[in-house]
Every structure is written in structure tokens, then in C-alpha cells.
Amino acid sequence: LADGVSYNFWTFGGTVPGSFIRVRKGDTVEFTLKNAHDSHMPHNIDLHAVSGQGGGAEATFTLPGHKTRFTFIALNPGLYVYHCAMPPVGMHVANGMYGLILVEPPEGLPKVDREYYVMQGDFYTSGKYREKGHQGFDMEKAIDERPTYVLFNGAEGALTGDKALKAKVGETVRLFVGNGGPNLVSSFHVIGEI
């Protein structure tokens, strides 16, 4: 989470946010969800780009050590959030189980020089802000909507210093920005020059 602060994230594919998923309108997508053998609870995925109740959540109910598959057709272009939807949903999301899925129009998006994926999330730890060592999840803080950390891409400084989002003068840039939550809104804004 921060320098000297560790945390057991729950993830899709080992990263917070989960991988950026990119499909085109009309694509038939076969989606596989695998839950690790050492997981202590079932998980699923609710892809907001999937039409129908739960966005695939019911079809992907996956016990530890198992995997599930479902198929969907990408119908509506847009940028959508996905997240684990197992109860308590807020706990799964607050531990990092979210990401973005893009459904491009059939012809694709106009070419740009650079694309960046940025996602905000709020985290609720048992310790205080920047308290060194390993931090656990604090359900009471989550219920009270009092995050210890509000972060972009799962860690303090994830988009600064050597990891800053950079472009050269004259390049075109596309930002895919989402908010995993589960509680706070995002007031993301770009600071720079044209």
C-alpha cells in the first residue's frame, strides 16, 4: 500500500486493478475465472459490460481450487467496471477485486500515441495511515466509509516518479479512468499543458 506497509490484496490475476480487458462490439468472449487453491472463500466476476442480471456473477461462482467458464457477446460499446460480486461485495472490492473492461465500437477507436489505465480504490486497514508493517482489513472502517488509503492503481506513488504517466509534446494520449471504490467517488483530473 505504501512504503513499509504491506497488505494481502485480493486480486484478479495478481494486480490491483485487475487486467484491462479489451474487446470489440460483436465479439464472442469466452471468460474463465480460476479461484486459487489457497483461497479461503468463493469468488465471481460481475462485468458491467455483460448484458443480463449480475453481468456473469451467477455463472462464475467459483469455489477455491476450481474454475468456471461462461461466454458472452459484447453488445454495447463503452468503458465499464468489473468487480467481484460475492457477498459481502464491498469487502471483496475493498480488497482490490476490480478493473475495467472496454468494449470498442466495431471499427475500433481512433489511433493515439499512448494509452494509460488508471483506477482509484479505497482501502480500509486495521492500522493507521502509513503505520509500518503488515496491515489487515478493517470491516468497521469499511462500513463507516472511513478509508485509510485512497489510491490510484493500488499503491501510494503508483503513478509518480519513474512510474509517472508521460507523453512527449505533440503526442496524443488516451486515459482509461475508473473507480473501483467501493465507497468514495473519484475526482480525477489532469494537470498539464496543451
C-alpha atoms as a PDB file:
ATOM      1  CA  LEU A   1       0.000   0.000   0.000  1.00  0.00           C
ATOM      2  CA  ALA A   2       2.793   2.415   0.889  1.00  0.00           C
ATOM      3  CA  ASP A   3       6.492   2.409   1.697  1.00  0.00           C
ATOM      4  CA  GLY A   4       6.940  -0.141   4.502  1.00  0.00           C
ATOM      5  CA  VAL A   5       3.226  -1.053   4.552  1.00  0.00           C
ATOM      6  CA  SER A   6       2.219  -4.487   3.265  1.00  0.00           C
ATOM      7  CA  TYR A   7      -1.295  -5.790   2.675  1.00  0.00           C
ATOM      8  CA  ASN A   8      -2.880  -9.023   1.413  1.00  0.00           C
ATOM      9  CA  PHE A   9      -4.717  -7.854  -1.688  1.00  0.00           C
ATOM     10  CA  TRP A  10      -7.435  -9.991  -3.237  1.00  0.00           C
ATOM     11  CA  THR A  11      -6.899  -9.725  -6.973  1.00  0.00           C
ATOM     12  CA  PHE A  12      -7.925 -10.698 -10.455  1.00  0.00           C
ATOM     13  CA  GLY A  13      -4.686 -12.036 -11.910  1.00  0.00           C
ATOM     14  CA  GLY A  14      -2.350 -10.706  -9.229  1.00  0.00           C
ATOM     15  CA  THR A  15      -2.701  -6.957  -9.810  1.00  0.00           C
ATOM     16  CA  VAL A  16      -4.753  -4.075  -8.430  1.00  0.00           C
ATOM     17  CA  PRO A  17      -6.578  -3.082 -10.509  1.00  0.00           C
ATOM     18  CA  GLY A  18      -7.111  -6.293 -12.458  1.00  0.00           C
ATOM     19  CA  SER A  19      -6.018  -6.506 -16.077  1.00  0.00           C
ATOM     20  CA  PHE A  20      -7.510  -4.108 -18.586  1.00  0.00           C
ATOM     21  CA  ILE A  21      -9.886  -6.191 -20.732  1.00  0.00           C
ATOM     22  CA  ARG A  22     -10.404  -5.010 -24.306  1.00  0.00           C
ATOM     23  CA  VAL A  23     -12.946  -6.422 -26.763  1.00  0.00           C
ATOM     24  CA  ARG A  24     -14.997  -5.097 -29.686  1.00  0.00           C
ATOM     25  CA  LYS A  25     -18.729  -4.880 -30.145  1.00  0.00           C
ATOM     26  CA  GLY A  26     -19.929  -8.167 -31.622  1.00  0.00           C
ATOM     27  CA  ASP A  27     -17.058 -10.235 -30.213  1.00  0.00           C
ATOM     28  CA  THR A  28     -17.934 -13.552 -28.615  1.00  0.00           C
ATOM     29  CA  VAL A  29     -15.896 -13.723 -25.424  1.00  0.00           C
ATOM     30  CA  GLU A  30     -15.161 -16.937 -23.533  1.00  0.00           C
ATOM     31  CA  PHE A  31     -14.286 -15.940 -19.992  1.00  0.00           C
ATOM     32  CA  THR A  32     -12.572 -18.250 -17.480  1.00  0.00           C
ATOM     33  CA  LEU A  33     -12.323 -17.491 -13.762  1.00  0.00           C
ATOM     34  CA  LYS A  34      -9.978 -19.597 -11.645  1.00  0.00           C
ATOM     35  CA  ASN A  35     -10.000 -19.361  -7.841  1.00  0.00           C
ATOM     36  CA  ALA A  36      -6.681 -20.282  -6.194  1.00  0.00           C
ATOM     37  CA  HIS A  37      -6.443 -23.479  -4.131  1.00  0.00           C
ATOM     38  CA  ASP A  38      -5.330 -21.494  -1.078  1.00  0.00           C
ATOM     39  CA  SER A  39      -8.205 -19.011  -1.292  1.00  0.00           C
ATOM     40  CA  HIS A  40     -10.479 -19.069   1.732  1.00  0.00           C
ATOM     41  CA  MET A  41     -13.707 -18.096   0.009  1.00  0.00           C
ATOM     42  CA  PRO A  42     -15.607 -18.283  -3.261  1.00  0.00           C
ATOM     43  CA  HIS A  43     -15.293 -15.504  -5.824  1.00  0.00           C
ATOM     44  CA  ASN A  44     -17.017 -14.485  -9.050  1.00  0.00           C
ATOM     45  CA  ILE A  45     -16.952 -11.609 -11.518  1.00  0.00           C
ATOM     46  CA  ASP A  46     -19.588  -9.035 -12.434  1.00  0.00           C
ATOM     47  CA  LEU A  47     -18.619  -7.482 -15.762  1.00  0.00           C
ATOM     48  CA  HIS A  48     -20.782  -4.400 -16.200  1.00  0.00           C
ATOM     49  CA  ALA A  49     -20.302  -4.750 -19.964  1.00  0.00           C
ATOM     50  CA  VAL A  50     -22.259  -8.025 -19.920  1.00  0.00           C
ATOM     51  CA  SER A  51     -25.999  -7.688 -20.502  1.00  0.00           C
ATOM     52  CA  GLY A  52     -28.243  -9.520 -18.091  1.00  0.00           C
ATOM     53  CA  GLN A  53     -28.575  -9.893 -14.366  1.00  0.00           C
ATOM     54  CA  GLY A  54     -25.278  -9.854 -12.488  1.00  0.00           C
ATOM     55  CA  GLY A  55     -23.038  -9.437 -15.536  1.00  0.00           C
ATOM     56  CA  GLY A  56     -21.804 -13.027 -15.296  1.00  0.00           C
ATOM     57  CA  ALA A  57     -21.621 -13.148 -11.496  1.00  0.00           C
ATOM     58  CA  GLU A  58     -24.005 -16.089 -11.117  1.00  0.00           C
ATOM     59  CA  ALA A  59     -22.355 -18.014 -13.964  1.00  0.00           C
ATOM     60  CA  THR A  60     -18.886 -17.565 -12.454  1.00  0.00           C
ATOM     61  CA  PHE A  61     -19.496 -18.610  -8.847  1.00  0.00           C
ATOM     62  CA  THR A  62     -16.131 -20.299  -8.218  1.00  0.00           C
ATOM     63  CA  LEU A  63     -15.091 -22.213  -5.118  1.00  0.00           C
ATOM     64  CA  PRO A  64     -11.432 -22.306  -4.016  1.00  0.00           C
ATOM     65  CA  GLY A  65      -9.407 -24.634  -6.237  1.00  0.00           C
ATOM     66  CA  HIS A  66     -11.986 -24.585  -9.045  1.00  0.00           C
ATOM     67  CA  LYS A  67     -12.578 -22.687 -12.277  1.00  0.00           C
ATOM     68  CA  THR A  68     -15.675 -21.669 -14.204  1.00  0.00           C
ATOM     69  CA  ARG A  69     -16.289 -20.531 -17.770  1.00  0.00           C
ATOM     70  CA  PHE A  70     -19.007 -18.547 -19.423  1.00  0.00           C
ATOM     71  CA  THR A  71     -19.482 -16.990 -22.832  1.00  0.00           C
ATOM     72  CA  PHE A  72     -20.968 -13.619 -23.691  1.00  0.00           C
ATOM     73  CA  ILE A  73     -21.338 -11.411 -26.739  1.00  0.00           C
ATOM     74  CA  ALA A  74     -20.109  -7.826 -26.338  1.00  0.00           C
ATOM     75  CA  LEU A  75     -23.163  -5.782 -27.311  1.00  0.00           C
ATOM     76  CA  ASN A  76     -22.715  -2.213 -26.102  1.00  0.00           C
ATOM     77  CA  PRO A  77     -19.594  -0.096 -26.728  1.00  0.00           C
ATOM     78  CA  GLY A  78     -18.268   1.721 -23.695  1.00  0.00           C
ATOM     79  CA  LEU A  79     -15.888   1.581 -20.761  1.00  0.00           C
ATOM     80  CA  TYR A  80     -17.178  -0.500 -17.854  1.00  0.00           C
ATOM     81  CA  VAL A  81     -16.092  -1.568 -14.386  1.00  0.00           C
ATOM     82  CA  TYR A  82     -15.827  -5.204 -13.374  1.00  0.00           C
ATOM     83  CA  HIS A  83     -15.589  -6.494  -9.815  1.00  0.00           C
ATOM     84  CA  CYS A  84     -16.165  -9.487  -7.598  1.00  0.00           C
ATOM     85  CA  ALA A  85     -19.815  -9.637  -6.572  1.00  0.00           C
ATOM     86  CA  MET A  86     -19.688 -12.243  -3.791  1.00  0.00           C
ATOM     87  CA  PRO A  87     -21.254 -11.116  -0.509  1.00  0.00           C
ATOM     88  CA  PRO A  88     -20.169  -9.016   1.192  1.00  0.00           C
ATOM     89  CA  VAL A  89     -19.434  -7.329  -2.132  1.00  0.00           C
ATOM     90  CA  GLY A  90     -17.875  -4.253  -0.539  1.00  0.00           C
ATOM     91  CA  MET A  91     -15.275  -6.385   1.242  1.00  0.00           C
ATOM     92  CA  HIS A  92     -14.193  -8.116  -1.984  1.00  0.00           C
ATOM     93  CA  VAL A  93     -13.988  -4.787  -3.823  1.00  0.00           C
ATOM     94  CA  ALA A  94     -12.226  -3.015  -0.923  1.00  0.00           C
ATOM     95  CA  ASN A  95      -9.520  -5.680  -1.034  1.00  0.00           C
ATOM     96  CA  GLY A  96      -8.748  -4.987  -4.698  1.00  0.00           C
ATOM     97  CA  MET A  97     -11.036  -7.182  -6.816  1.00  0.00           C
ATOM     98  CA  TYR A  98     -11.913  -4.722  -9.594  1.00  0.00           C
ATOM     99  CA  GLY A  99     -10.814  -3.498 -13.012  1.00  0.00           C
ATOM    100  CA  LEU A 100     -12.028  -2.076 -16.335  1.00  0.00           C
ATOM    101  CA  ILE A 101     -13.374  -3.694 -19.490  1.00  0.00           C
ATOM    102  CA  LEU A 102     -13.542  -1.724 -22.730  1.00  0.00           C
ATOM    103  CA  VAL A 103     -15.986  -2.648 -25.479  1.00  0.00           C
ATOM    104  CA  GLU A 104     -14.748  -0.786 -28.543  1.00  0.00           C
ATOM    105  CA  PRO A 105     -17.040   0.044 -31.460  1.00  0.00           C
ATOM    106  CA  PRO A 106     -16.731  -2.484 -34.336  1.00  0.00           C
ATOM    107  CA  GLU A 107     -14.284  -0.230 -36.198  1.00  0.00           C
ATOM    108  CA  GLY A 108     -12.140   0.279 -33.091  1.00  0.00           C
ATOM    109  CA  LEU A 109     -11.052   3.568 -31.535  1.00  0.00           C
ATOM    110  CA  PRO A 110      -9.008   6.229 -33.318  1.00  0.00           C
ATOM    111  CA  LYS A 111      -5.251   5.654 -33.087  1.00  0.00           C
ATOM    112  CA  VAL A 112      -3.371   7.531 -30.363  1.00  0.00           C
ATOM    113  CA  ASP A 113       0.285   7.579 -29.386  1.00  0.00           C
ATOM    114  CA  ARG A 114      -0.190   6.403 -25.797  1.00  0.00           C
ATOM    115  CA  GLU A 115      -2.898   4.840 -23.659  1.00  0.00           C
ATOM    116  CA  TYR A 116      -2.944   4.668 -19.870  1.00  0.00           C
ATOM    117  CA  TYR A 117      -5.097   2.701 -17.425  1.00  0.00           C
ATOM    118  CA  VAL A 118      -5.800   4.390 -14.090  1.00  0.00           C
ATOM    119  CA  MET A 119      -8.148   3.166 -11.400  1.00  0.00           C
ATOM    120  CA  GLN A 120      -8.961   4.590  -7.974  1.00  0.00           C
ATOM    121  CA  GLY A 121      -9.714   2.393  -4.981  1.00  0.00           C
ATOM    122  CA  ASP A 122     -10.246   2.927  -1.269  1.00  0.00           C
ATOM    123  CA  PHE A 123      -8.611   0.612   1.288  1.00  0.00           C
ATOM    124  CA  TYR A 124      -9.527   0.071   4.929  1.00  0.00           C
ATOM    125  CA  THR A 125      -6.667  -1.116   7.117  1.00  0.00           C
ATOM    126  CA  SER A 126      -6.552  -2.116  10.766  1.00  0.00           C
ATOM    127  CA  GLY A 127      -3.573   0.188  11.302  1.00  0.00           C
ATOM    128  CA  LYS A 128      -3.225   3.918  10.918  1.00  0.00           C
ATOM    129  CA  TYR A 129      -2.200   5.673   7.727  1.00  0.00           C
ATOM    130  CA  ARG A 130       1.426   4.763   6.879  1.00  0.00           C
ATOM    131  CA  GLU A 131       1.796   2.608  10.011  1.00  0.00           C
ATOM    132  CA  LYS A 132       4.700   0.314   9.136  1.00  0.00           C
ATOM    133  CA  GLY A 133       4.333  -3.443   8.854  1.00  0.00           C
ATOM    134  CA  HIS A 134       1.581  -5.700   7.628  1.00  0.00           C
ATOM    135  CA  GLN A 135      -1.965  -4.294   7.749  1.00  0.00           C
ATOM    136  CA  GLY A 136      -5.163  -6.293   7.817  1.00  0.00           C
ATOM    137  CA  PHE A 137      -8.614  -5.368   6.516  1.00  0.00           C
ATOM    138  CA  ASP A 138     -10.867  -3.410   8.915  1.00  0.00           C
ATOM    139  CA  MET A 139     -14.555  -4.121   8.232  1.00  0.00           C
ATOM    140  CA  GLU A 140     -15.765  -1.449  10.675  1.00  0.00           C
ATOM    141  CA  LYS A 141     -13.852   1.288   8.819  1.00  0.00           C
ATOM    142  CA  ALA A 142     -15.295  -0.017   5.537  1.00  0.00           C
ATOM    143  CA  ILE A 143     -18.863   0.034   6.848  1.00  0.00           C
ATOM    144  CA  ASP A 144     -18.305   3.556   8.198  1.00  0.00           C
ATOM    145  CA  GLU A 145     -16.745   4.558   4.826  1.00  0.00           C
ATOM    146  CA  ARG A 146     -13.542   5.783   6.528  1.00  0.00           C
ATOM    147  CA  PRO A 147     -10.705   4.612   4.261  1.00  0.00           C
ATOM    148  CA  THR A 148      -7.136   4.589   5.490  1.00  0.00           C
ATOM    149  CA  TYR A 149      -5.892   4.906   1.903  1.00  0.00           C
ATOM    150  CA  VAL A 150      -7.412   6.271  -1.315  1.00  0.00           C
ATOM    151  CA  LEU A 151      -5.068   5.178  -4.078  1.00  0.00           C
ATOM    152  CA  PHE A 152      -4.582   5.059  -7.808  1.00  0.00           C
ATOM    153  CA  ASN A 153      -3.530   1.628  -9.115  1.00  0.00           C
ATOM    154  CA  GLY A 154      -3.233   0.007  -5.693  1.00  0.00           C
ATOM    155  CA  ALA A 155      -0.314   1.825  -4.076  1.00  0.00           C
ATOM    156  CA  GLU A 156       0.931   5.212  -2.988  1.00  0.00           C
ATOM    157  CA  GLY A 157       3.149   6.615  -5.712  1.00  0.00           C
ATOM    158  CA  ALA A 158       1.933   4.117  -8.315  1.00  0.00           C
ATOM    159  CA  LEU A 159       1.744   6.934 -10.882  1.00  0.00           C
ATOM    160  CA  THR A 160       4.554   9.230  -9.740  1.00  0.00           C
ATOM    161  CA  GLY A 161       8.328   9.466 -10.151  1.00  0.00           C
ATOM    162  CA  ASP A 162       9.679   6.794 -12.509  1.00  0.00           C
ATOM    163  CA  LYS A 163       6.114   5.447 -12.882  1.00  0.00           C
ATOM    164  CA  ALA A 164       4.573   8.794 -13.898  1.00  0.00           C
ATOM    165  CA  LEU A 165       2.341   8.846 -16.961  1.00  0.00           C
ATOM    166  CA  LYS A 166       4.456  10.609 -19.548  1.00  0.00           C
ATOM    167  CA  ALA A 167       3.991  11.811 -23.110  1.00  0.00           C
ATOM    168  CA  LYS A 168       6.065  13.876 -25.492  1.00  0.00           C
ATOM    169  CA  VAL A 169       4.950  17.217 -26.857  1.00  0.00           C
ATOM    170  CA  GLY A 170       2.564  16.660 -29.759  1.00  0.00           C
ATOM    171  CA  GLU A 171       1.633  13.070 -28.826  1.00  0.00           C
ATOM    172  CA  THR A 172      -1.985  12.113 -28.406  1.00  0.00           C
ATOM    173  CA  VAL A 173      -2.947  10.364 -25.167  1.00  0.00           C
ATOM    174  CA  ARG A 174      -5.987   8.335 -24.171  1.00  0.00           C
ATOM    175  CA  LEU A 175      -6.751   7.798 -20.479  1.00  0.00           C
ATOM    176  CA  PHE A 176      -8.991   4.972 -19.320  1.00  0.00           C
ATOM    177  CA  VAL A 177     -10.013   6.051 -15.817  1.00  0.00           C
ATOM    178  CA  GLY A 178     -12.221   4.094 -13.450  1.00  0.00           C
ATOM    179  CA  ASN A 179     -13.187   3.914  -9.813  1.00  0.00           C
ATOM    180  CA  GLY A 180     -13.197   0.548  -8.077  1.00  0.00           C
ATOM    181  CA  GLY A 181     -14.454   2.080  -4.856  1.00  0.00           C
ATOM    182  CA  PRO A 182     -16.225   0.592  -3.067  1.00  0.00           C
ATOM    183  CA  ASN A 183     -17.324   3.775  -1.318  1.00  0.00           C
ATOM    184  CA  LEU A 184     -15.714   7.007  -2.434  1.00  0.00           C
ATOM    185  CA  VAL A 185     -16.194   8.954  -5.657  1.00  0.00           C
ATOM    186  CA  SER A 186     -13.246   9.843  -7.861  1.00  0.00           C
ATOM    187  CA  SER A 187     -12.424  13.431  -8.722  1.00  0.00           C
ATOM    188  CA  PHE A 188      -9.666  12.535 -11.162  1.00  0.00           C
ATOM    189  CA  HIS A 189      -8.407  15.477 -13.169  1.00  0.00           C
ATOM    190  CA  VAL A 190      -5.452  16.012 -15.464  1.00  0.00           C
ATOM    191  CA  ILE A 191      -2.897  18.708 -14.669  1.00  0.00           C
ATOM    192  CA  GLY A 192      -0.662  19.720 -17.543  1.00  0.00           C
ATOM    193  CA  GLU A 193      -0.461  21.828 -20.670  1.00  0.00           C
ATOM    194  CA  ILE A 194      -1.832  21.614 -24.153  1.00  0.00           C
END
